[in-house]
Amino acid sequence: AQPGGSLRLTCSASGFTLNYYGIGWFRQAPGEER
């Protein structure tokens, strides 16, 4: 994406319902902590 742009990430799981779990999005850059 360009600076100022947008993206949408999706998280899914086959065979399991995510609906009642706490969910987090994490990121990790090279040399950095998650």
Full PDB file with SEQRES, HELIX, SHEET, SSBOND, CRYST1, ORIGX, SCALE, CONECT and MASTER records, all heavy atoms in Angstrom:
SEQRES   1 A   34  ALA GLN PRO GLY GLY SER LEU ARG LEU THR CYS SER ALA          
SEQRES   2 A   34  SER GLY PHE THR LEU ASN TYR TYR GLY ILE GLY TRP PHE          
SEQRES   3 A   34  ARG GLN ALA PRO GLY GLU GLU ARG                              
CRYST1    1.000    1.000    1.000  90.00  90.00  90.00 P 1           1          
ORIGX1      1.000000  0.000000  0.000000        0.00000                         
ORIGX2      0.000000  1.000000  0.000000        0.00000                         
ORIGX3      0.000000  0.000000  1.000000        0.00000                         
SCALE1      1.000000  0.000000  0.000000        0.00000                         
SCALE2      0.000000  1.000000  0.000000        0.00000                         
SCALE3      0.000000  0.000000  1.000000        0.00000                         
ATOM      1  N   ALA A   1       0.853  -1.191   0.000  1.00  0.00           N  
ATOM      2  CA  ALA A   1       0.000   0.000   0.000  1.00  0.00           C  
ATOM      3  C   ALA A   1       0.884   1.235   0.000  1.00  0.00           C  
ATOM      4  O   ALA A   1       2.016   1.206   0.505  1.00  0.00           O  
ATOM      5  CB  ALA A   1      -0.929   0.000   1.215  1.00  0.00           C  
ATOM      6  N   GLN A   2       0.369   2.291  -0.557  1.00  0.00           N  
ATOM      7  CA  GLN A   2       1.084   3.564  -0.524  1.00  0.00           C  
ATOM      8  C   GLN A   2       0.820   4.281   0.802  1.00  0.00           C  
ATOM      9  O   GLN A   2      -0.217   4.048   1.429  1.00  0.00           O  
ATOM     10  CB  GLN A   2       0.637   4.446  -1.677  1.00  0.00           C  
ATOM     11  CG  GLN A   2       1.052   3.926  -3.041  1.00  0.00           C  
ATOM     12  CD  GLN A   2       0.774   4.934  -4.138  1.00  0.00           C  
ATOM     13  OE1 GLN A   2      -0.038   5.835  -3.995  1.00  0.00           O  
ATOM     14  NE2 GLN A   2       1.477   4.780  -5.265  1.00  0.00           N  
ATOM     15  N   PRO A   3       1.724   5.131   1.228  1.00  0.00           N  
ATOM     16  CA  PRO A   3       1.439   5.936   2.424  1.00  0.00           C  
ATOM     17  C   PRO A   3       0.127   6.687   2.262  1.00  0.00           C  
ATOM     18  O   PRO A   3      -0.145   7.260   1.200  1.00  0.00           O  
ATOM     19  CB  PRO A   3       2.639   6.890   2.481  1.00  0.00           C  
ATOM     20  CG  PRO A   3       3.735   6.141   1.801  1.00  0.00           C  
ATOM     21  CD  PRO A   3       3.068   5.369   0.702  1.00  0.00           C  
ATOM     22  N   GLY A   4      -0.681   6.646   3.308  1.00  0.00           N  
ATOM     23  CA  GLY A   4      -2.007   7.241   3.252  1.00  0.00           C  
ATOM     24  C   GLY A   4      -3.083   6.315   2.752  1.00  0.00           C  
ATOM     25  O   GLY A   4      -4.272   6.652   2.810  1.00  0.00           O  
ATOM     26  N   GLY A   5      -2.691   5.170   2.264  1.00  0.00           N  
ATOM     27  CA  GLY A   5      -3.640   4.208   1.727  1.00  0.00           C  
ATOM     28  C   GLY A   5      -4.252   3.328   2.803  1.00  0.00           C  
ATOM     29  O   GLY A   5      -4.020   3.519   3.995  1.00  0.00           O  
ATOM     30  N   SER A   6      -5.030   2.358   2.347  1.00  0.00           N  
ATOM     31  CA  SER A   6      -5.760   1.470   3.258  1.00  0.00           C  
ATOM     32  C   SER A   6      -5.601   0.019   2.828  1.00  0.00           C  
ATOM     33  O   SER A   6      -5.422  -0.279   1.644  1.00  0.00           O  
ATOM     34  CB  SER A   6      -7.250   1.816   3.256  1.00  0.00           C  
ATOM     35  OG  SER A   6      -7.476   3.131   3.737  1.00  0.00           O  
ATOM     36  N   LEU A   7      -5.696  -0.854   3.798  1.00  0.00           N  
ATOM     37  CA  LEU A   7      -5.771  -2.291   3.576  1.00  0.00           C  
ATOM     38  C   LEU A   7      -6.717  -2.868   4.616  1.00  0.00           C  
ATOM     39  O   LEU A   7      -6.845  -2.330   5.722  1.00  0.00           O  
ATOM     40  CB  LEU A   7      -4.401  -2.968   3.727  1.00  0.00           C  
ATOM     41  CG  LEU A   7      -3.372  -2.793   2.608  1.00  0.00           C  
ATOM     42  CD1 LEU A   7      -2.041  -3.402   3.044  1.00  0.00           C  
ATOM     43  CD2 LEU A   7      -3.851  -3.445   1.322  1.00  0.00           C  
ATOM     44  N   ARG A   8      -7.341  -3.996   4.274  1.00  0.00           N  
ATOM     45  CA  ARG A   8      -8.157  -4.708   5.246  1.00  0.00           C  
ATOM     46  C   ARG A   8      -7.656  -6.137   5.359  1.00  0.00           C  
ATOM     47  O   ARG A   8      -7.616  -6.862   4.363  1.00  0.00           O  
ATOM     48  CB  ARG A   8      -9.634  -4.709   4.865  1.00  0.00           C  
ATOM     49  CG  ARG A   8     -10.520  -5.279   5.971  1.00  0.00           C  
ATOM     50  CD  ARG A   8     -11.992  -5.227   5.637  1.00  0.00           C  
ATOM     51  NE  ARG A   8     -12.386  -6.246   4.674  1.00  0.00           N  
ATOM     52  CZ  ARG A   8     -13.642  -6.624   4.458  1.00  0.00           C  
ATOM     53  NH1 ARG A   8     -14.628  -6.051   5.144  1.00  0.00           N  
ATOM     54  NH2 ARG A   8     -13.921  -7.543   3.554  1.00  0.00           N  
ATOM     55  N   LEU A   9      -7.287  -6.504   6.556  1.00  0.00           N  
ATOM     56  CA  LEU A   9      -6.859  -7.872   6.827  1.00  0.00           C  
ATOM     57  C   LEU A   9      -8.036  -8.686   7.356  1.00  0.00           C  
ATOM     58  O   LEU A   9      -8.911  -8.164   8.035  1.00  0.00           O  
ATOM     59  CB  LEU A   9      -5.731  -7.889   7.861  1.00  0.00           C  
ATOM     60  CG  LEU A   9      -4.501  -7.045   7.545  1.00  0.00           C  
ATOM     61  CD1 LEU A   9      -3.440  -7.253   8.622  1.00  0.00           C  
ATOM     62  CD2 LEU A   9      -3.946  -7.351   6.170  1.00  0.00           C  
ATOM     63  N   THR A  10      -8.014  -9.969   7.040  1.00  0.00           N  
ATOM     64  CA  THR A  10      -9.074 -10.885   7.455  1.00  0.00           C  
ATOM     65  C   THR A  10      -8.469 -12.051   8.211  1.00  0.00           C  
ATOM     66  O   THR A  10      -7.429 -12.583   7.818  1.00  0.00           O  
ATOM     67  CB  THR A  10      -9.830 -11.407   6.225  1.00  0.00           C  
ATOM     68  OG1 THR A  10     -10.442 -10.308   5.545  1.00  0.00           O  
ATOM     69  CG2 THR A  10     -10.901 -12.398   6.626  1.00  0.00           C  
ATOM     70  N   CYS A  11      -9.135 -12.441   9.287  1.00  0.00           N  
ATOM     71  CA  CYS A  11      -8.746 -13.618  10.070  1.00  0.00           C  
ATOM     72  C   CYS A  11      -9.923 -14.580  10.099  1.00  0.00           C  
ATOM     73  O   CYS A  11     -11.029 -14.195  10.485  1.00  0.00           O  
ATOM     74  CB  CYS A  11      -8.355 -13.213  11.480  1.00  0.00           C  
ATOM     75  SG  CYS A  11      -7.927 -14.600  12.554  1.00  0.00           S  
ATOM     76  N   SER A  12      -9.679 -15.805   9.695  1.00  0.00           N  
ATOM     77  CA  SER A  12     -10.722 -16.822   9.717  1.00  0.00           C  
ATOM     78  C   SER A  12     -10.134 -18.126  10.221  1.00  0.00           C  
ATOM     79  O   SER A  12      -8.915 -18.263  10.356  1.00  0.00           O  
ATOM     80  CB  SER A  12     -11.315 -17.009   8.323  1.00  0.00           C  
ATOM     81  OG  SER A  12     -10.308 -17.401   7.412  1.00  0.00           O  
ATOM     82  N   ALA A  13     -11.005 -19.102  10.502  1.00  0.00           N  
ATOM     83  CA  ALA A  13     -10.553 -20.398  10.995  1.00  0.00           C  
ATOM     84  C   ALA A  13     -11.576 -21.450  10.605  1.00  0.00           C  
ATOM     85  O   ALA A  13     -12.713 -21.407  11.079  1.00  0.00           O  
ATOM     86  CB  ALA A  13     -10.363 -20.381  12.504  1.00  0.00           C  
ATOM     87  N   SER A  14     -11.189 -22.387   9.787  1.00  0.00           N  
ATOM     88  CA  SER A  14     -12.095 -23.441   9.349  1.00  0.00           C  
ATOM     89  C   SER A  14     -12.359 -24.429  10.474  1.00  0.00           C  
ATOM     90  O   SER A  14     -11.440 -24.861  11.159  1.00  0.00           O  
ATOM     91  CB  SER A  14     -11.498 -24.183   8.147  1.00  0.00           C  
ATOM     92  OG  SER A  14     -11.342 -23.316   7.057  1.00  0.00           O  
ATOM     93  N   GLY A  15     -13.638 -24.782  10.646  1.00  0.00           N  
ATOM     94  CA  GLY A  15     -13.982 -25.815  11.608  1.00  0.00           C  
ATOM     95  C   GLY A  15     -14.088 -25.355  13.048  1.00  0.00           C  
ATOM     96  O   GLY A  15     -14.406 -26.161  13.925  1.00  0.00           O  
ATOM     97  N   PHE A  16     -13.815 -24.064  13.308  1.00  0.00           N  
ATOM     98  CA  PHE A  16     -13.893 -23.524  14.659  1.00  0.00           C  
ATOM     99  C   PHE A  16     -14.591 -22.177  14.606  1.00  0.00           C  
ATOM    100  O   PHE A  16     -14.382 -21.402  13.671  1.00  0.00           O  
ATOM    101  CB  PHE A  16     -12.505 -23.325  15.266  1.00  0.00           C  
ATOM    102  CG  PHE A  16     -11.748 -24.591  15.524  1.00  0.00           C  
ATOM    103  CD1 PHE A  16     -10.955 -25.141  14.532  1.00  0.00           C  
ATOM    104  CD2 PHE A  16     -11.830 -25.227  16.745  1.00  0.00           C  
ATOM    105  CE1 PHE A  16     -10.256 -26.314  14.755  1.00  0.00           C  
ATOM    106  CE2 PHE A  16     -11.134 -26.395  16.988  1.00  0.00           C  
ATOM    107  CZ  PHE A  16     -10.345 -26.947  15.983  1.00  0.00           C  
ATOM    108  N   THR A  17     -15.394 -21.913  15.603  1.00  0.00           N  
ATOM    109  CA  THR A  17     -16.002 -20.597  15.660  1.00  0.00           C  
ATOM    110  C   THR A  17     -15.090 -19.649  16.427  1.00  0.00           C  
ATOM    111  O   THR A  17     -14.600 -19.967  17.508  1.00  0.00           O  
ATOM    112  CB  THR A  17     -17.391 -20.641  16.311  1.00  0.00           C  
ATOM    113  OG1 THR A  17     -17.918 -19.312  16.365  1.00  0.00           O  
ATOM    114  CG2 THR A  17     -17.345 -21.210  17.719  1.00  0.00           C  
ATOM    115  N   LEU A  18     -14.863 -18.491  15.834  1.00  0.00           N  
ATOM    116  CA  LEU A  18     -14.052 -17.459  16.494  1.00  0.00           C  
ATOM    117  C   LEU A  18     -14.903 -16.531  17.337  1.00  0.00           C  
ATOM    118  O   LEU A  18     -14.370 -15.680  18.046  1.00  0.00           O  
ATOM    119  CB  LEU A  18     -13.323 -16.638  15.421  1.00  0.00           C  
ATOM    120  CG  LEU A  18     -12.350 -17.375  14.517  1.00  0.00           C  
ATOM    121  CD1 LEU A  18     -11.761 -16.415  13.488  1.00  0.00           C  
ATOM    122  CD2 LEU A  18     -11.251 -18.043  15.317  1.00  0.00           C  
ATOM    123  N   ASN A  19     -16.218 -16.693  17.259  1.00  0.00           N  
ATOM    124  CA  ASN A  19     -17.133 -15.663  17.742  1.00  0.00           C  
ATOM    125  C   ASN A  19     -17.031 -15.351  19.228  1.00  0.00           C  
ATOM    126  O   ASN A  19     -17.398 -14.268  19.649  1.00  0.00           O  
ATOM    127  CB  ASN A  19     -18.570 -16.046  17.398  1.00  0.00           C  
ATOM    128  CG  ASN A  19     -18.812 -16.020  15.908  1.00  0.00           C  
ATOM    129  OD1 ASN A  19     -18.036 -15.453  15.149  1.00  0.00           O  
ATOM    130  ND2 ASN A  19     -19.889 -16.653  15.474  1.00  0.00           N  
ATOM    131  N   TYR A  20     -16.560 -16.285  20.034  1.00  0.00           N  
ATOM    132  CA  TYR A  20     -16.560 -16.063  21.483  1.00  0.00           C  
ATOM    133  C   TYR A  20     -15.156 -16.018  22.064  1.00  0.00           C  
ATOM    134  O   TYR A  20     -14.973 -16.060  23.268  1.00  0.00           O  
ATOM    135  CB  TYR A  20     -17.417 -17.143  22.156  1.00  0.00           C  
ATOM    136  CG  TYR A  20     -18.797 -17.195  21.563  1.00  0.00           C  
ATOM    137  CD1 TYR A  20     -19.185 -18.240  20.742  1.00  0.00           C  
ATOM    138  CD2 TYR A  20     -19.704 -16.153  21.778  1.00  0.00           C  
ATOM    139  CE1 TYR A  20     -20.441 -18.262  20.166  1.00  0.00           C  
ATOM    140  CE2 TYR A  20     -20.963 -16.171  21.211  1.00  0.00           C  
ATOM    141  CZ  TYR A  20     -21.326 -17.235  20.404  1.00  0.00           C  
ATOM    142  OH  TYR A  20     -22.563 -17.257  19.835  1.00  0.00           O  
ATOM    143  N   TYR A  21     -14.163 -15.928  21.169  1.00  0.00           N  
ATOM    144  CA  TYR A  21     -12.788 -15.825  21.616  1.00  0.00           C  
ATOM    145  C   TYR A  21     -12.320 -14.379  21.606  1.00  0.00           C  
ATOM    146  O   TYR A  21     -12.729 -13.583  20.755  1.00  0.00           O  
ATOM    147  CB  TYR A  21     -11.859 -16.594  20.674  1.00  0.00           C  
ATOM    148  CG  TYR A  21     -11.903 -18.096  20.796  1.00  0.00           C  
ATOM    149  CD1 TYR A  21     -12.537 -18.864  19.822  1.00  0.00           C  
ATOM    150  CD2 TYR A  21     -11.291 -18.745  21.851  1.00  0.00           C  
ATOM    151  CE1 TYR A  21     -12.559 -20.245  19.908  1.00  0.00           C  
ATOM    152  CE2 TYR A  21     -11.304 -20.127  21.946  1.00  0.00           C  
ATOM    153  CZ  TYR A  21     -11.929 -20.875  20.969  1.00  0.00           C  
ATOM    154  OH  TYR A  21     -11.943 -22.237  21.059  1.00  0.00           O  
ATOM    155  N   GLY A  22     -11.425 -14.032  22.548  1.00  0.00           N  
ATOM    156  CA  GLY A  22     -10.690 -12.791  22.422  1.00  0.00           C  
ATOM    157  C   GLY A  22      -9.716 -12.917  21.256  1.00  0.00           C  
ATOM    158  O   GLY A  22      -9.003 -13.919  21.145  1.00  0.00           O  
ATOM    159  N   ILE A  23      -9.711 -11.931  20.394  1.00  0.00           N  
ATOM    160  CA  ILE A  23      -8.888 -11.960  19.183  1.00  0.00           C  
ATOM    161  C   ILE A  23      -7.955 -10.754  19.197  1.00  0.00           C  
ATOM    162  O   ILE A  23      -8.361  -9.640  19.566  1.00  0.00           O  
ATOM    163  CB  ILE A  23      -9.757 -11.880  17.917  1.00  0.00           C  
ATOM    164  CG1 ILE A  23     -10.820 -12.973  17.901  1.00  0.00           C  
ATOM    165  CG2 ILE A  23      -8.881 -11.933  16.658  1.00  0.00           C  
ATOM    166  CD1 ILE A  23     -10.287 -14.362  17.692  1.00  0.00           C  
ATOM    167  N   GLY A  24      -6.741 -10.971  18.776  1.00  0.00           N  
ATOM    168  CA  GLY A  24      -5.802  -9.875  18.658  1.00  0.00           C  
ATOM    169  C   GLY A  24      -5.110  -9.868  17.315  1.00  0.00           C  
ATOM    170  O   GLY A  24      -4.889 -10.916  16.710  1.00  0.00           O  
ATOM    171  N   TRP A  25      -4.799  -8.681  16.858  1.00  0.00           N  
ATOM    172  CA  TRP A  25      -3.905  -8.513  15.714  1.00  0.00           C  
ATOM    173  C   TRP A  25      -2.582  -7.981  16.236  1.00  0.00           C  
ATOM    174  O   TRP A  25      -2.544  -6.973  16.939  1.00  0.00           O  
ATOM    175  CB  TRP A  25      -4.488  -7.543  14.690  1.00  0.00           C  
ATOM    176  CG  TRP A  25      -5.586  -8.103  13.857  1.00  0.00           C  
ATOM    177  CD1 TRP A  25      -6.929  -7.958  14.039  1.00  0.00           C  
ATOM    178  CD2 TRP A  25      -5.443  -8.914  12.681  1.00  0.00           C  
ATOM    179  NE1 TRP A  25      -7.631  -8.621  13.060  1.00  0.00           N  
ATOM    180  CE2 TRP A  25      -6.730  -9.214  12.210  1.00  0.00           C  
ATOM    181  CE3 TRP A  25      -4.346  -9.413  11.980  1.00  0.00           C  
ATOM    182  CZ2 TRP A  25      -6.956  -9.987  11.068  1.00  0.00           C  
ATOM    183  CZ3 TRP A  25      -4.566 -10.174  10.848  1.00  0.00           C  
ATOM    184  CH2 TRP A  25      -5.858 -10.461  10.405  1.00  0.00           C  
ATOM    185  N   PHE A  26      -1.526  -8.678  15.892  1.00  0.00           N  
ATOM    186  CA  PHE A  26      -0.177  -8.295  16.274  1.00  0.00           C  
ATOM    187  C   PHE A  26       0.639  -8.074  15.015  1.00  0.00           C  
ATOM    188  O   PHE A  26       0.311  -8.591  13.948  1.00  0.00           O  
ATOM    189  CB  PHE A  26       0.467  -9.388  17.131  1.00  0.00           C  
ATOM    190  CG  PHE A  26      -0.084  -9.480  18.524  1.00  0.00           C  
ATOM    191  CD1 PHE A  26      -1.322 -10.063  18.753  1.00  0.00           C  
ATOM    192  CD2 PHE A  26       0.626  -8.978  19.601  1.00  0.00           C  
ATOM    193  CE1 PHE A  26      -1.846 -10.132  20.039  1.00  0.00           C  
ATOM    194  CE2 PHE A  26       0.114  -9.052  20.896  1.00  0.00           C  
ATOM    195  CZ  PHE A  26      -1.121  -9.634  21.112  1.00  0.00           C  
ATOM    196  N   ARG A  27       1.716  -7.337  15.151  1.00  0.00           N  
ATOM    197  CA  ARG A  27       2.627  -7.172  14.028  1.00  0.00           C  
ATOM    198  C   ARG A  27       4.062  -7.277  14.518  1.00  0.00           C  
ATOM    199  O   ARG A  27       4.362  -7.027  15.682  1.00  0.00           O  
ATOM    200  CB  ARG A  27       2.394  -5.834  13.325  1.00  0.00           C  
ATOM    201  CG  ARG A  27       2.788  -4.609  14.145  1.00  0.00           C  
ATOM    202  CD  ARG A  27       2.398  -3.340  13.397  1.00  0.00           C  
ATOM    203  NE  ARG A  27       2.748  -2.131  14.141  1.00  0.00           N  
ATOM    204  CZ  ARG A  27       2.375  -0.908  13.791  1.00  0.00           C  
ATOM    205  NH1 ARG A  27       1.627  -0.720  12.702  1.00  0.00           N  
ATOM    206  NH2 ARG A  27       2.751   0.134  14.519  1.00  0.00           N  
ATOM    207  N   GLN A  28       4.918  -7.660  13.586  1.00  0.00           N  
ATOM    208  CA  GLN A  28       6.333  -7.793  13.914  1.00  0.00           C  
ATOM    209  C   GLN A  28       7.163  -7.361  12.729  1.00  0.00           C  
ATOM    210  O   GLN A  28       7.065  -7.951  11.647  1.00  0.00           O  
ATOM    211  CB  GLN A  28       6.682  -9.225  14.335  1.00  0.00           C  
ATOM    212  CG  GLN A  28       8.075  -9.361  14.901  1.00  0.00           C  
ATOM    213  CD  GLN A  28       8.267 -10.688  15.621  1.00  0.00           C  
ATOM    214  OE1 GLN A  28       7.543 -11.649  15.399  1.00  0.00           O  
ATOM    215  NE2 GLN A  28       9.244 -10.725  16.512  1.00  0.00           N  
ATOM    216  N   ALA A  29       7.956  -6.334  12.935  1.00  0.00           N  
ATOM    217  CA  ALA A  29       8.891  -5.873  11.915  1.00  0.00           C  
ATOM    218  C   ALA A  29      10.243  -6.518  12.174  1.00  0.00           C  
ATOM    219  O   ALA A  29      10.533  -6.947  13.304  1.00  0.00           O  
ATOM    220  CB  ALA A  29       8.996  -4.355  11.959  1.00  0.00           C  
ATOM    221  N   PRO A  30      11.101  -6.606  11.158  1.00  0.00           N  
ATOM    222  CA  PRO A  30      12.428  -7.221  11.349  1.00  0.00           C  
ATOM    223  C   PRO A  30      13.189  -6.558  12.490  1.00  0.00           C  
ATOM    224  O   PRO A  30      13.273  -5.328  12.564  1.00  0.00           O  
ATOM    225  CB  PRO A  30      13.112  -6.976  10.006  1.00  0.00           C  
ATOM    226  CG  PRO A  30      11.996  -6.889   9.033  1.00  0.00           C  
ATOM    227  CD  PRO A  30      10.878  -6.215   9.760  1.00  0.00           C  
ATOM    228  N   GLY A  31      13.704  -7.377  13.389  1.00  0.00           N  
ATOM    229  CA  GLY A  31      14.484  -6.875  14.505  1.00  0.00           C  
ATOM    230  C   GLY A  31      13.677  -6.277  15.636  1.00  0.00           C  
ATOM    231  O   GLY A  31      14.253  -5.771  16.608  1.00  0.00           O  
ATOM    232  N   GLU A  32      12.356  -6.337  15.515  1.00  0.00           N  
ATOM    233  CA  GLU A  32      11.488  -5.747  16.533  1.00  0.00           C  
ATOM    234  C   GLU A  32      10.703  -6.833  17.267  1.00  0.00           C  
ATOM    235  O   GLU A  32      10.550  -7.956  16.773  1.00  0.00           O  
ATOM    236  CB  GLU A  32      10.500  -4.769  15.897  1.00  0.00           C  
ATOM    237  CG  GLU A  32      11.146  -3.622  15.130  1.00  0.00           C  
ATOM    238  CD  GLU A  32      11.822  -2.615  16.042  1.00  0.00           C  
ATOM    239  OE1 GLU A  32      11.363  -2.468  17.202  1.00  0.00           O  
ATOM    240  OE2 GLU A  32      12.808  -1.990  15.609  1.00  0.00           O  
ATOM    241  N   GLU A  33      10.203  -6.482  18.435  1.00  0.00           N  
ATOM    242  CA  GLU A  33       9.333  -7.398  19.166  1.00  0.00           C  
ATOM    243  C   GLU A  33       7.931  -7.378  18.560  1.00  0.00           C  
ATOM    244  O   GLU A  33       7.538  -6.424  17.900  1.00  0.00           O  
ATOM    245  CB  GLU A  33       9.264  -6.987  20.640  1.00  0.00           C  
ATOM    246  CG  GLU A  33      10.559  -7.179  21.392  1.00  0.00           C  
ATOM    247  CD  GLU A  33      10.409  -6.924  22.883  1.00  0.00           C  
ATOM    248  OE1 GLU A  33       9.326  -6.490  23.316  1.00  0.00           O  
ATOM    249  OE2 GLU A  33      11.381  -7.166  23.612  1.00  0.00           O  
ATOM    250  N   ARG A  34       7.202  -8.457  18.808  1.00  0.00           N  
ATOM    251  CA  ARG A  34       5.827  -8.535  18.331  1.00  0.00           C  
ATOM    252  C   ARG A  34       4.969  -7.553  19.143  1.00  0.00           C  
ATOM    253  O   ARG A  34       5.030  -7.529  20.366  1.00  0.00           O  
ATOM    254  CB  ARG A  34       5.313  -9.965  18.479  1.00  0.00           C  
ATOM    255  CG  ARG A  34       4.062 -10.253  17.693  1.00  0.00           C  
ATOM    256  CD  ARG A  34       3.820 -11.741  17.564  1.00  0.00           C  
ATOM    257  NE  ARG A  34       4.818 -12.384  16.710  1.00  0.00           N  
ATOM    258  CZ  ARG A  34       4.700 -13.618  16.230  1.00  0.00           C  
ATOM    259  NH1 ARG A  34       3.637 -14.340  16.531  1.00  0.00           N  
ATOM    260  NH2 ARG A  34       5.640 -14.132  15.479  1.00  0.00           N  
TER     261      ARG A  34                                                      
MASTER        0    0    0    0    0    0    0    6  260    1    0    3          
END                                                                             
